[in-house]
């Protein structure tokens, strides 16, 4: 699944367990909630609704329709194939429903993207 900016330019691709550049180079992996960089060093965790740094300190939360700061305020919303700011302005799109690759999309946004 491709992740695109608001103008339709490809930023990244995700598949089950893997996060890539739009051209297919590996940025990182997501395995059993553990987020790793391309060298497979652990950089964080995305599991059971929590986003954690490599020390397992909670830095945020996620649900099917949003990413939240640790304070509970919404950082980004998801709606179908659209990624939106907290004010509901679209900043990105995907070519499949975000639900299909939720952990990979959350990991991309938090650990690899300009939207973090």
PDB file of N, CA and C in Angstrom:
ATOM      1  N   UNK A   1       0.842  -1.179   0.000  1.00  0.00           N
ATOM      2  CA  UNK A   1       0.000   0.000   0.000  1.00  0.00           C
ATOM      3  C   UNK A   1       0.886   1.240   0.000  1.00  0.00           C
ATOM      4  N   UNK A   2       0.559   2.190  -0.869  1.00  0.00           N
ATOM      5  CA  UNK A   2       1.324   3.433  -0.946  1.00  0.00           C
ATOM      6  C   UNK A   2       0.762   4.485   0.003  1.00  0.00           C
ATOM      7  N   UNK A   3       1.658   5.265   0.579  1.00  0.00           N
ATOM      8  CA  UNK A   3       1.293   6.437   1.374  1.00  0.00           C
ATOM      9  C   UNK A   3       1.740   7.652   0.582  1.00  0.00           C
ATOM     10  N   UNK A   4       0.819   8.594   0.368  1.00  0.00           N
ATOM     11  CA  UNK A   4       1.095   9.761  -0.473  1.00  0.00           C
ATOM     12  C   UNK A   4       0.835  11.045   0.298  1.00  0.00           C
ATOM     13  N   UNK A   5       1.491  12.120  -0.133  1.00  0.00           N
ATOM     14  CA  UNK A   5       1.220  13.415   0.490  1.00  0.00           C
ATOM     15  C   UNK A   5      -0.062  14.008  -0.078  1.00  0.00           C
ATOM     16  N   UNK A   6      -0.403  15.206   0.364  1.00  0.00           N
ATOM     17  CA  UNK A   6      -1.686  15.802  -0.032  1.00  0.00           C
ATOM     18  C   UNK A   6      -1.746  16.133  -1.517  1.00  0.00           C
ATOM     19  N   UNK A   7      -0.582  16.176  -2.177  1.00  0.00           N
ATOM     20  CA  UNK A   7      -0.553  16.452  -3.618  1.00  0.00           C
ATOM     21  C   UNK A   7      -0.507  15.174  -4.451  1.00  0.00           C
ATOM     22  N   UNK A   8      -0.489  14.037  -3.774  1.00  0.00           N
ATOM     23  CA  UNK A   8      -0.500  12.764  -4.486  1.00  0.00           C
ATOM     24  C   UNK A   8       0.868  12.181  -4.771  1.00  0.00           C
ATOM     25  N   UNK A   9       1.938  12.813  -4.259  1.00  0.00           N
ATOM     26  CA  UNK A   9       3.284  12.268  -4.457  1.00  0.00           C
ATOM     27  C   UNK A   9       3.539  11.144  -3.460  1.00  0.00           C
ATOM     28  N   UNK A  10       4.091  10.047  -3.943  1.00  0.00           N
ATOM     29  CA  UNK A  10       4.350   8.898  -3.071  1.00  0.00           C
ATOM     30  C   UNK A  10       5.457   9.203  -2.076  1.00  0.00           C
ATOM     31  N   UNK A  11       5.191   8.905  -0.817  1.00  0.00           N
ATOM     32  CA  UNK A  11       6.174   9.085   0.247  1.00  0.00           C
ATOM     33  C   UNK A  11       6.773   7.760   0.688  1.00  0.00           C
ATOM     34  N   UNK A  12       5.944   6.741   0.731  1.00  0.00           N
ATOM     35  CA  UNK A  12       6.387   5.447   1.256  1.00  0.00           C
ATOM     36  C   UNK A  12       5.439   4.355   0.794  1.00  0.00           C
ATOM     37  N   UNK A  13       5.881   3.127   1.040  1.00  0.00           N
ATOM     38  CA  UNK A  13       5.056   1.950   0.789  1.00  0.00           C
ATOM     39  C   UNK A  13       5.086   1.085   2.035  1.00  0.00           C
ATOM     40  N   UNK A  14       3.977   0.467   2.354  1.00  0.00           N
ATOM     41  CA  UNK A  14       3.985  -0.502   3.450  1.00  0.00           C
ATOM     42  C   UNK A  14       3.393  -1.816   2.957  1.00  0.00           C
ATOM     43  N   UNK A  15       3.934  -2.885   3.491  1.00  0.00           N
ATOM     44  CA  UNK A  15       3.333  -4.204   3.319  1.00  0.00           C
ATOM     45  C   UNK A  15       3.394  -4.845   4.695  1.00  0.00           C
ATOM     46  N   UNK A  16       2.803  -5.977   4.856  1.00  0.00           N
ATOM     47  CA  UNK A  16       2.767  -6.591   6.173  1.00  0.00           C
ATOM     48  C   UNK A  16       4.174  -6.756   6.725  1.00  0.00           C
ATOM     49  N   UNK A  17       4.477  -6.062   7.820  1.00  0.00           N
ATOM     50  CA  UNK A  17       5.755  -6.202   8.498  1.00  0.00           C
ATOM     51  C   UNK A  17       6.890  -5.373   7.946  1.00  0.00           C
ATOM     52  N   UNK A  18       6.655  -4.589   6.904  1.00  0.00           N
ATOM     53  CA  UNK A  18       7.764  -3.872   6.264  1.00  0.00           C
ATOM     54  C   UNK A  18       7.345  -2.469   5.847  1.00  0.00           C
ATOM     55  N   UNK A  19       8.243  -1.514   6.042  1.00  0.00           N
ATOM     56  CA  UNK A  19       8.037  -0.120   5.643  1.00  0.00           C
ATOM     57  C   UNK A  19       9.141   0.228   4.657  1.00  0.00           C
ATOM     58  N   UNK A  20       8.756   0.799   3.518  1.00  0.00           N
ATOM     59  CA  UNK A  20       9.713   1.066   2.444  1.00  0.00           C
ATOM     60  C   UNK A  20       9.584   2.493   1.930  1.00  0.00           C
ATOM     61  N   UNK A  21      10.626   2.953   1.248  1.00  0.00           N
ATOM     62  CA  UNK A  21      10.503   4.177   0.469  1.00  0.00           C
ATOM     63  C   UNK A  21       9.567   3.882  -0.695  1.00  0.00           C
ATOM     64  N   UNK A  22       9.135   4.919  -1.382  1.00  0.00           N
ATOM     65  CA  UNK A  22       8.226   4.698  -2.513  1.00  0.00           C
ATOM     66  C   UNK A  22       8.888   3.886  -3.621  1.00  0.00           C
ATOM     67  N   UNK A  23      10.223   3.893  -3.666  1.00  0.00           N
ATOM     68  CA  UNK A  23      10.924   3.118  -4.694  1.00  0.00           C
ATOM     69  C   UNK A  23      11.222   1.685  -4.256  1.00  0.00           C
ATOM     70  N   UNK A  24      10.906   1.363  -3.001  1.00  0.00           N
ATOM     71  CA  UNK A  24      11.050  -0.018  -2.553  1.00  0.00           C
ATOM     72  C   UNK A  24      12.217  -0.309  -1.637  1.00  0.00           C
ATOM     73  N   UNK A  25      13.048   0.697  -1.326  1.00  0.00           N
ATOM     74  CA  UNK A  25      14.142   0.471  -0.373  1.00  0.00           C
ATOM     75  C   UNK A  25      13.570   0.359   1.037  1.00  0.00           C
ATOM     76  N   UNK A  26      14.101  -0.562   1.814  1.00  0.00           N
ATOM     77  CA  UNK A  26      13.568  -0.789   3.155  1.00  0.00           C
ATOM     78  C   UNK A  26      13.952   0.333   4.108  1.00  0.00           C
ATOM     79  N   UNK A  27      12.941   0.918   4.766  1.00  0.00           N
ATOM     80  CA  UNK A  27      13.164   1.877   5.852  1.00  0.00           C
ATOM     81  C   UNK A  27      13.184   1.155   7.191  1.00  0.00           C
ATOM     82  N   UNK A  28      12.284   0.186   7.337  1.00  0.00           N
ATOM     83  CA  UNK A  28      12.207  -0.518   8.606  1.00  0.00           C
ATOM     84  C   UNK A  28      11.234  -1.673   8.564  1.00  0.00           C
ATOM     85  N   UNK A  29      11.077  -2.280   9.733  1.00  0.00           N
ATOM     86  CA  UNK A  29      10.242  -3.465   9.879  1.00  0.00           C
ATOM     87  C   UNK A  29       9.340  -3.319  11.103  1.00  0.00           C
ATOM     88  N   UNK A  30       8.222  -4.010  11.077  1.00  0.00           N
ATOM     89  CA  UNK A  30       7.339  -4.109  12.242  1.00  0.00           C
ATOM     90  C   UNK A  30       7.058  -5.590  12.447  1.00  0.00           C
ATOM     91  N   UNK A  31       7.543  -6.116  13.568  1.00  0.00           N
ATOM     92  CA  UNK A  31       7.366  -7.541  13.856  1.00  0.00           C
ATOM     93  C   UNK A  31       6.891  -7.714  15.293  1.00  0.00           C
ATOM     94  N   UNK A  32       5.716  -8.289  15.465  1.00  0.00           N
ATOM     95  CA  UNK A  32       5.124  -8.514  16.792  1.00  0.00           C
ATOM     96  C   UNK A  32       5.142  -7.244  17.637  1.00  0.00           C
ATOM     97  N   UNK A  33       4.826  -6.122  17.003  1.00  0.00           N
ATOM     98  CA  UNK A  33       4.759  -4.850  17.705  1.00  0.00           C
ATOM     99  C   UNK A  33       6.071  -4.108  17.807  1.00  0.00           C
ATOM    100  N   UNK A  34       7.174  -4.768  17.496  1.00  0.00           N
ATOM    101  CA  UNK A  34       8.486  -4.125  17.585  1.00  0.00           C
ATOM    102  C   UNK A  34       8.798  -3.424  16.272  1.00  0.00           C
ATOM    103  N   UNK A  35       9.202  -2.156  16.355  1.00  0.00           N
ATOM    104  CA  UNK A  35       9.566  -1.372  15.174  1.00  0.00           C
ATOM    105  C   UNK A  35      11.085  -1.321  15.095  1.00  0.00           C
ATOM    106  N   UNK A  36      11.616  -1.702  13.939  1.00  0.00           N
ATOM    107  CA  UNK A  36      13.063  -1.739  13.744  1.00  0.00           C
ATOM    108  C   UNK A  36      13.452  -0.909  12.533  1.00  0.00           C
ATOM    109  N   UNK A  37      14.672  -0.384  12.553  1.00  0.00           N
ATOM    110  CA  UNK A  37      15.172   0.317  11.373  1.00  0.00           C
ATOM    111  C   UNK A  37      15.665  -0.705  10.351  1.00  0.00           C
ATOM    112  N   UNK A  38      16.235  -0.220   9.275  1.00  0.00           N
ATOM    113  CA  UNK A  38      16.635  -1.137   8.194  1.00  0.00           C
ATOM    114  C   UNK A  38      17.737  -2.099   8.620  1.00  0.00           C
ATOM    115  N   UNK A  39      18.476  -1.746   9.696  1.00  0.00           N
ATOM    116  CA  UNK A  39      19.507  -2.644  10.236  1.00  0.00           C
ATOM    117  C   UNK A  39      18.949  -3.599  11.279  1.00  0.00           C
ATOM    118  N   UNK A  40      17.633  -3.551  11.470  1.00  0.00           N
ATOM    119  CA  UNK A  40      16.913  -4.372  12.440  1.00  0.00           C
ATOM    120  C   UNK A  40      17.253  -4.036  13.891  1.00  0.00           C
ATOM    121  N   UNK A  41      17.691  -2.800  14.131  1.00  0.00           N
ATOM    122  CA  UNK A  41      17.831  -2.323  15.511  1.00  0.00           C
ATOM    123  C   UNK A  41      16.476  -1.808  15.971  1.00  0.00           C
ATOM    124  N   UNK A  42      16.088  -2.139  17.187  1.00  0.00           N
ATOM    125  CA  UNK A  42      14.790  -1.706  17.709  1.00  0.00           C
ATOM    126  C   UNK A  42      14.791  -0.206  17.949  1.00  0.00           C
ATOM    127  N   UNK A  43      13.784   0.478  17.384  1.00  0.00           N
ATOM    128  CA  UNK A  43      13.653   1.925  17.591  1.00  0.00           C
ATOM    129  C   UNK A  43      12.354   2.277  18.312  1.00  0.00           C
ATOM    130  N   UNK A  44      11.485   1.299  18.507  1.00  0.00           N
ATOM    131  CA  UNK A  44      10.245   1.568  19.218  1.00  0.00           C
ATOM    132  C   UNK A  44       9.292   0.395  19.133  1.00  0.00           C
ATOM    133  N   UNK A  45       8.088   0.649  19.629  1.00  0.00           N
ATOM    134  CA  UNK A  45       7.057  -0.388  19.648  1.00  0.00           C
ATOM    135  C   UNK A  45       5.711   0.225  19.302  1.00  0.00           C
ATOM    136  N   UNK A  46       4.910  -0.526  18.580  1.00  0.00           N
ATOM    137  CA  UNK A  46       3.531  -0.145  18.251  1.00  0.00           C
ATOM    138  C   UNK A  46       2.697  -1.392  18.513  1.00  0.00           C
ATOM    139  N   UNK A  47       2.053  -1.429  19.673  1.00  0.00           N
ATOM    140  CA  UNK A  47       1.311  -2.643  20.018  1.00  0.00           C
ATOM    141  C   UNK A  47       0.174  -2.360  20.987  1.00  0.00           C
ATOM    142  N   UNK A  48      -0.937  -3.056  20.760  1.00  0.00           N
ATOM    143  CA  UNK A  48      -2.122  -2.988  21.620  1.00  0.00           C
ATOM    144  C   UNK A  48      -2.552  -1.553  21.925  1.00  0.00           C
ATOM    145  N   UNK A  49      -2.437  -0.691  20.933  1.00  0.00           N
ATOM    146  CA  UNK A  49      -2.901   0.679  21.089  1.00  0.00           C
ATOM    147  C   UNK A  49      -1.890   1.643  21.668  1.00  0.00           C
ATOM    148  N   UNK A  50      -0.712   1.166  22.004  1.00  0.00           N
ATOM    149  CA  UNK A  50       0.322   2.027  22.585  1.00  0.00           C
ATOM    150  C   UNK A  50       1.489   2.212  21.624  1.00  0.00           C
ATOM    151  N   UNK A  51       2.053   3.409  21.643  1.00  0.00           N
ATOM    152  CA  UNK A  51       3.265   3.725  20.890  1.00  0.00           C
ATOM    153  C   UNK A  51       4.347   3.982  21.925  1.00  0.00           C
ATOM    154  N   UNK A  52       5.435   3.240  21.840  1.00  0.00           N
ATOM    155  CA  UNK A  52       6.493   3.344  22.841  1.00  0.00           C
ATOM    156  C   UNK A  52       7.847   3.547  22.171  1.00  0.00           C
ATOM    157  N   UNK A  53       8.748   4.206  22.894  1.00  0.00           N
ATOM    158  CA  UNK A  53      10.107   4.356  22.383  1.00  0.00           C
ATOM    159  C   UNK A  53      10.873   3.058  22.637  1.00  0.00           C
ATOM    160  N   UNK A  54      12.155   3.063  22.312  1.00  0.00           N
ATOM    161  CA  UNK A  54      12.928   1.820  22.410  1.00  0.00           C
ATOM    162  C   UNK A  54      13.094   1.351  23.856  1.00  0.00           C
ATOM    163  N   UNK A  55      12.893   2.263  24.818  1.00  0.00           N
ATOM    164  CA  UNK A  55      12.950   1.894  26.240  1.00  0.00           C
ATOM    165  C   UNK A  55      11.597   1.448  26.776  1.00  0.00           C
ATOM    166  N   UNK A  56      10.615   1.371  25.888  1.00  0.00           N
ATOM    167  CA  UNK A  56       9.240   0.995  26.210  1.00  0.00           C
ATOM    168  C   UNK A  56       8.511   2.031  27.059  1.00  0.00           C
ATOM    169  N   UNK A  57       8.965   3.287  27.011  1.00  0.00           N
ATOM    170  CA  UNK A  57       8.201   4.373  27.628  1.00  0.00           C
ATOM    171  C   UNK A  57       7.130   4.802  26.639  1.00  0.00           C
ATOM    172  N   UNK A  58       5.916   4.996  27.119  1.00  0.00           N
ATOM    173  CA  UNK A  58       4.806   5.367  26.240  1.00  0.00           C
ATOM    174  C   UNK A  58       4.988   6.786  25.725  1.00  0.00           C
ATOM    175  N   UNK A  59       4.948   6.943  24.406  1.00  0.00           N
ATOM    176  CA  UNK A  59       5.053   8.272  23.789  1.00  0.00           C
ATOM    177  C   UNK A  59       3.768   8.652  23.063  1.00  0.00           C
ATOM    178  N   UNK A  60       2.822   7.733  23.022  1.00  0.00           N
ATOM    179  CA  UNK A  60       1.554   8.032  22.374  1.00  0.00           C
ATOM    180  C   UNK A  60       0.652   6.819  22.373  1.00  0.00           C
ATOM    181  N   UNK A  61      -0.525   7.004  21.788  1.00  0.00           N
ATOM    182  CA  UNK A  61      -1.474   5.911  21.647  1.00  0.00           C
ATOM    183  C   UNK A  61      -2.052   5.947  20.243  1.00  0.00           C
ATOM    184  N   UNK A  62      -2.651   4.850  19.841  1.00  0.00           N
ATOM    185  CA  UNK A  62      -3.313   4.838  18.537  1.00  0.00           C
ATOM    186  C   UNK A  62      -4.582   4.009  18.618  1.00  0.00           C
ATOM    187  N   UNK A  63      -5.512   4.358  17.762  1.00  0.00           N
ATOM    188  CA  UNK A  63      -6.750   3.611  17.589  1.00  0.00           C
ATOM    189  C   UNK A  63      -6.964   3.462  16.093  1.00  0.00           C
ATOM    190  N   UNK A  64      -8.039   2.816  15.707  1.00  0.00           N
ATOM    191  CA  UNK A  64      -8.309   2.608  14.279  1.00  0.00           C
ATOM    192  C   UNK A  64      -8.432   3.924  13.533  1.00  0.00           C
ATOM    193  N   UNK A  65      -8.842   4.981  14.230  1.00  0.00           N
ATOM    194  CA  UNK A  65      -9.108   6.237  13.523  1.00  0.00           C
ATOM    195  C   UNK A  65      -8.218   7.393  13.938  1.00  0.00           C
ATOM    196  N   UNK A  66      -7.167   7.143  14.732  1.00  0.00           N
ATOM    197  CA  UNK A  66      -6.344   8.279  15.155  1.00  0.00           C
ATOM    198  C   UNK A  66      -5.023   7.858  15.797  1.00  0.00           C
ATOM    199  N   UNK A  67      -4.093   8.830  15.817  1.00  0.00           N
ATOM    200  CA  UNK A  67      -2.875   8.751  16.625  1.00  0.00           C
ATOM    201  C   UNK A  67      -2.983   9.861  17.659  1.00  0.00           C
ATOM    202  N   UNK A  68      -2.685   9.526  18.910  1.00  0.00           N
ATOM    203  CA  UNK A  68      -2.787  10.500  19.989  1.00  0.00           C
ATOM    204  C   UNK A  68      -1.438  10.700  20.665  1.00  0.00           C
ATOM    205  N   UNK A  69      -1.224  11.911  21.152  1.00  0.00           N
ATOM    206  CA  UNK A  69      -0.084  12.173  22.023  1.00  0.00           C
ATOM    207  C   UNK A  69      -0.304  11.431  23.339  1.00  0.00           C
ATOM    208  N   UNK A  70       0.750  11.318  24.151  1.00  0.00           N
ATOM    209  CA  UNK A  70       0.592  10.629  25.433  1.00  0.00           C
ATOM    210  C   UNK A  70      -0.397  11.350  26.344  1.00  0.00           C
ATOM    211  N   UNK A  71      -0.602  12.646  26.110  1.00  0.00           N
ATOM    212  CA  UNK A  71      -1.580  13.412  26.896  1.00  0.00           C
ATOM    213  C   UNK A  71      -3.014  13.024  26.561  1.00  0.00           C
ATOM    214  N   UNK A  72      -3.195  12.361  25.431  1.00  0.00           N
ATOM    215  CA  UNK A  72      -4.527  11.957  25.002  1.00  0.00           C
ATOM    216  C   UNK A  72      -5.110  12.816  23.900  1.00  0.00           C
ATOM    217  N   UNK A  73      -4.482  13.961  23.621  1.00  0.00           N
ATOM    218  CA  UNK A  73      -4.993  14.807  22.536  1.00  0.00           C
ATOM    219  C   UNK A  73      -4.621  14.199  21.185  1.00  0.00           C
ATOM    220  N   UNK A  74      -5.483  14.400  20.206  1.00  0.00           N
ATOM    221  CA  UNK A  74      -5.297  13.777  18.893  1.00  0.00           C
ATOM    222  C   UNK A  74      -4.242  14.506  18.079  1.00  0.00           C
ATOM    223  N   UNK A  75      -3.302  13.746  17.526  1.00  0.00           N
ATOM    224  CA  UNK A  75      -2.280  14.290  16.637  1.00  0.00           C
ATOM    225  C   UNK A  75      -2.748  14.204  15.188  1.00  0.00           C
ATOM    226  N   UNK A  76      -3.206  13.023  14.788  1.00  0.00           N
ATOM    227  CA  UNK A  76      -3.678  12.797  13.422  1.00  0.00           C
ATOM    228  C   UNK A  76      -4.905  11.899  13.449  1.00  0.00           C
ATOM    229  N   UNK A  77      -5.777  12.111  12.476  1.00  0.00           N
ATOM    230  CA  UNK A  77      -6.946  11.253  12.294  1.00  0.00           C
ATOM    231  C   UNK A  77      -6.768  10.402  11.042  1.00  0.00           C
ATOM    232  N   UNK A  78      -7.369   9.223  11.055  1.00  0.00           N
ATOM    233  CA  UNK A  78      -7.466   8.372   9.879  1.00  0.00           C
ATOM    234  C   UNK A  78      -8.942   8.234   9.527  1.00  0.00           C
ATOM    235  N   UNK A  79      -9.227   8.322   8.246  1.00  0.00           N
ATOM    236  CA  UNK A  79     -10.597   8.059   7.799  1.00  0.00           C
ATOM    237  C   UNK A  79     -10.520   7.361   6.450  1.00  0.00           C
ATOM    238  N   UNK A  80     -10.737   6.053   6.453  1.00  0.00           N
ATOM    239  CA  UNK A  80     -10.658   5.296   5.206  1.00  0.00           C
ATOM    240  C   UNK A  80      -9.258   5.311   4.636  1.00  0.00           C
ATOM    241  N   UNK A  81      -9.054   6.096   3.591  1.00  0.00           N
ATOM    242  CA  UNK A  81      -7.754   6.204   2.921  1.00  0.00           C
ATOM    243  C   UNK A  81      -7.120   7.576   3.132  1.00  0.00           C
ATOM    244  N   UNK A  82      -7.621   8.351   4.102  1.00  0.00           N
ATOM    245  CA  UNK A  82      -7.167   9.727   4.302  1.00  0.00           C
ATOM    246  C   UNK A  82      -6.499   9.892   5.662  1.00  0.00           C
ATOM    247  N   UNK A  83      -5.378  10.622   5.677  1.00  0.00           N
ATOM    248  CA  UNK A  83      -4.675  10.995   6.905  1.00  0.00           C
ATOM    249  C   UNK A  83      -4.900  12.487   7.100  1.00  0.00           C
ATOM    250  N   UNK A  84      -5.402  12.873   8.281  1.00  0.00           N
ATOM    251  CA  UNK A  84      -5.774  14.266   8.523  1.00  0.00           C
ATOM    252  C   UNK A  84      -5.143  14.796   9.803  1.00  0.00           C
ATOM    253  N   UNK A  85      -4.943  16.117   9.834  1.00  0.00           N
ATOM    254  CA  UNK A  85      -4.479  16.778  11.049  1.00  0.00           C
ATOM    255  C   UNK A  85      -5.598  16.774  12.085  1.00  0.00           C
ATOM    256  N   UNK A  86      -5.289  17.264  13.276  1.00  0.00           N
ATOM    257  CA  UNK A  86      -6.307  17.321  14.332  1.00  0.00           C
ATOM    258  C   UNK A  86      -7.452  18.254  13.968  1.00  0.00           C
ATOM    259  N   UNK A  87      -7.208  19.184  13.041  1.00  0.00           N
ATOM    260  CA  UNK A  87      -8.282  20.077  12.577  1.00  0.00           C
ATOM    261  C   UNK A  87      -8.991  19.519  11.341  1.00  0.00           C
ATOM    262  N   UNK A  88      -8.702  18.245  11.024  1.00  0.00           N
ATOM    263  CA  UNK A  88      -9.354  17.509   9.926  1.00  0.00           C
ATOM    264  C   UNK A  88      -8.962  18.002   8.538  1.00  0.00           C
ATOM    265  N   UNK A  89      -7.775  18.587   8.421  1.00  0.00           N
ATOM    266  CA  UNK A  89      -7.228  18.946   7.114  1.00  0.00           C
ATOM    267  C   UNK A  89      -6.454  17.749   6.569  1.00  0.00           C
ATOM    268  N   UNK A  90      -6.746  17.332   5.355  1.00  0.00           N
ATOM    269  CA  UNK A  90      -6.067  16.172   4.767  1.00  0.00           C
ATOM    270  C   UNK A  90      -4.609  16.500   4.469  1.00  0.00           C
ATOM    271  N   UNK A  91      -3.705  15.658   4.957  1.00  0.00           N
ATOM    272  CA  UNK A  91      -2.279  15.844   4.671  1.00  0.00           C
ATOM    273  C   UNK A  91      -1.699  14.653   3.926  1.00  0.00           C
ATOM    274  N   UNK A  92      -2.468  13.579   3.803  1.00  0.00           N
ATOM    275  CA  UNK A  92      -1.968  12.413   3.105  1.00  0.00           C
ATOM    276  C   UNK A  92      -3.070  11.435   2.762  1.00  0.00           C
ATOM    277  N   UNK A  93      -2.716  10.521   1.875  1.00  0.00           N
ATOM    278  CA  UNK A  93      -3.674   9.533   1.384  1.00  0.00           C
ATOM    279  C   UNK A  93      -2.981   8.188   1.226  1.00  0.00           C
ATOM    280  N   UNK A  94      -3.764   7.136   1.226  1.00  0.00           N
ATOM    281  CA  UNK A  94      -3.260   5.802   0.921  1.00  0.00           C
ATOM    282  C   UNK A  94      -4.118   5.218  -0.194  1.00  0.00           C
ATOM    283  N   UNK A  95      -3.622   4.175  -0.837  1.00  0.00           N
ATOM    284  CA  UNK A  95      -4.412   3.586  -1.920  1.00  0.00           C
ATOM    285  C   UNK A  95      -5.227   2.376  -1.466  1.00  0.00           C
ATOM    286  N   UNK A  96      -5.168   2.058  -0.178  1.00  0.00           N
ATOM    287  CA  UNK A  96      -6.039   1.050   0.427  1.00  0.00           C
ATOM    288  C   UNK A  96      -6.487   1.602   1.778  1.00  0.00           C
ATOM    289  N   UNK A  97      -7.478   0.988   2.387  1.00  0.00           N
ATOM    290  CA  UNK A  97      -7.898   1.436   3.710  1.00  0.00           C
ATOM    291  C   UNK A  97      -6.745   1.309   4.702  1.00  0.00           C
ATOM    292  N   UNK A  98      -6.549   2.338   5.491  1.00  0.00           N
ATOM    293  CA  UNK A  98      -5.463   2.369   6.468  1.00  0.00           C
ATOM    294  C   UNK A  98      -5.582   1.209   7.453  1.00  0.00           C
ATOM    295  N   UNK A  99      -6.817   0.831   7.791  1.00  0.00           N
ATOM    296  CA  UNK A  99      -7.064  -0.305   8.695  1.00  0.00           C
ATOM    297  C   UNK A  99      -6.301  -1.555   8.288  1.00  0.00           C
ATOM    298  N   UNK A 100      -6.114  -1.748   6.997  1.00  0.00           N
ATOM    299  CA  UNK A 100      -5.475  -2.971   6.501  1.00  0.00           C
ATOM    300  C   UNK A 100      -4.027  -3.101   6.963  1.00  0.00           C
ATOM    301  N   UNK A 101      -3.372  -1.971   7.221  1.00  0.00           N
ATOM    302  CA  UNK A 101      -1.960  -1.956   7.624  1.00  0.00           C
ATOM    303  C   UNK A 101      -1.765  -0.957   8.760  1.00  0.00           C
ATOM    304  N   UNK A 102      -2.643  -0.995   9.750  1.00  0.00           N
ATOM    305  CA  UNK A 102      -2.664   0.057  10.769  1.00  0.00           C
ATOM    306  C   UNK A 102      -1.336   0.198  11.502  1.00  0.00           C
ATOM    307  N   UNK A 103      -0.779  -0.896  12.004  1.00  0.00           N
ATOM    308  CA  UNK A 103       0.469  -0.803  12.770  1.00  0.00           C
ATOM    309  C   UNK A 103       1.617  -0.296  11.904  1.00  0.00           C
ATOM    310  N   UNK A 104       1.660  -0.746  10.663  1.00  0.00           N
ATOM    311  CA  UNK A 104       2.724  -0.282   9.763  1.00  0.00           C
ATOM    312  C   UNK A 104       2.581   1.207   9.458  1.00  0.00           C
ATOM    313  N   UNK A 105       1.360   1.668   9.253  1.00  0.00           N
ATOM    314  CA  UNK A 105       1.134   3.096   8.980  1.00  0.00           C
ATOM    315  C   UNK A 105       1.488   3.931  10.201  1.00  0.00           C
ATOM    316  N   UNK A 106       1.059   3.496  11.377  1.00  0.00           N
ATOM    317  CA  UNK A 106       1.397   4.222  12.612  1.00  0.00           C
ATOM    318  C   UNK A 106       2.910   4.261  12.795  1.00  0.00           C
ATOM    319  N   UNK A 107       3.578   3.134  12.593  1.00  0.00           N
ATOM    320  CA  UNK A 107       5.036   3.087  12.739  1.00  0.00           C
ATOM    321  C   UNK A 107       5.713   4.011  11.736  1.00  0.00           C
ATOM    322  N   UNK A 108       5.241   4.020  10.497  1.00  0.00           N
ATOM    323  CA  UNK A 108       5.821   4.920   9.499  1.00  0.00           C
ATOM    324  C   UNK A 108       5.686   6.369   9.949  1.00  0.00           C
ATOM    325  N   UNK A 109       4.484   6.761  10.327  1.00  0.00           N
ATOM    326  CA  UNK A 109       4.239   8.159  10.701  1.00  0.00           C
ATOM    327  C   UNK A 109       5.087   8.565  11.900  1.00  0.00           C
ATOM    328  N   UNK A 110       5.101   7.742  12.940  1.00  0.00           N
ATOM    329  CA  UNK A 110       5.762   8.123  14.190  1.00  0.00           C
ATOM    330  C   UNK A 110       7.280   8.047  14.089  1.00  0.00           C
ATOM    331  N   UNK A 111       7.798   7.029  13.437  1.00  0.00           N
ATOM    332  CA  UNK A 111       9.239   6.792  13.481  1.00  0.00           C
ATOM    333  C   UNK A 111       9.999   7.162  12.210  1.00  0.00           C
ATOM    334  N   UNK A 112       9.308   7.357  11.092  1.00  0.00           N
ATOM    335  CA  UNK A 112      10.023   7.586   9.843  1.00  0.00           C
ATOM    336  C   UNK A 112       9.577   8.815   9.059  1.00  0.00           C
ATOM    337  N   UNK A 113       8.420   9.386   9.358  1.00  0.00           N
ATOM    338  CA  UNK A 113       7.875  10.418   8.467  1.00  0.00           C
ATOM    339  C   UNK A 113       8.114  11.833   8.958  1.00  0.00           C
ATOM    340  N   UNK A 114       7.839  12.786   8.075  1.00  0.00           N
ATOM    341  CA  UNK A 114       7.916  14.210   8.421  1.00  0.00           C
ATOM    342  C   UNK A 114       6.722  14.637   9.272  1.00  0.00           C
ATOM    343  N   UNK A 115       5.714  13.772   9.384  1.00  0.00           N
ATOM    344  CA  UNK A 115       4.506  14.110  10.146  1.00  0.00           C
ATOM    345  C   UNK A 115       4.650  13.831  11.631  1.00  0.00           C
ATOM    346  N   UNK A 116       5.746  13.203  12.050  1.00  0.00           N
ATOM    347  CA  UNK A 116       5.867  12.811  13.468  1.00  0.00           C
ATOM    348  C   UNK A 116       5.867  14.011  14.395  1.00  0.00           C
TER     349      UNK A 116
END
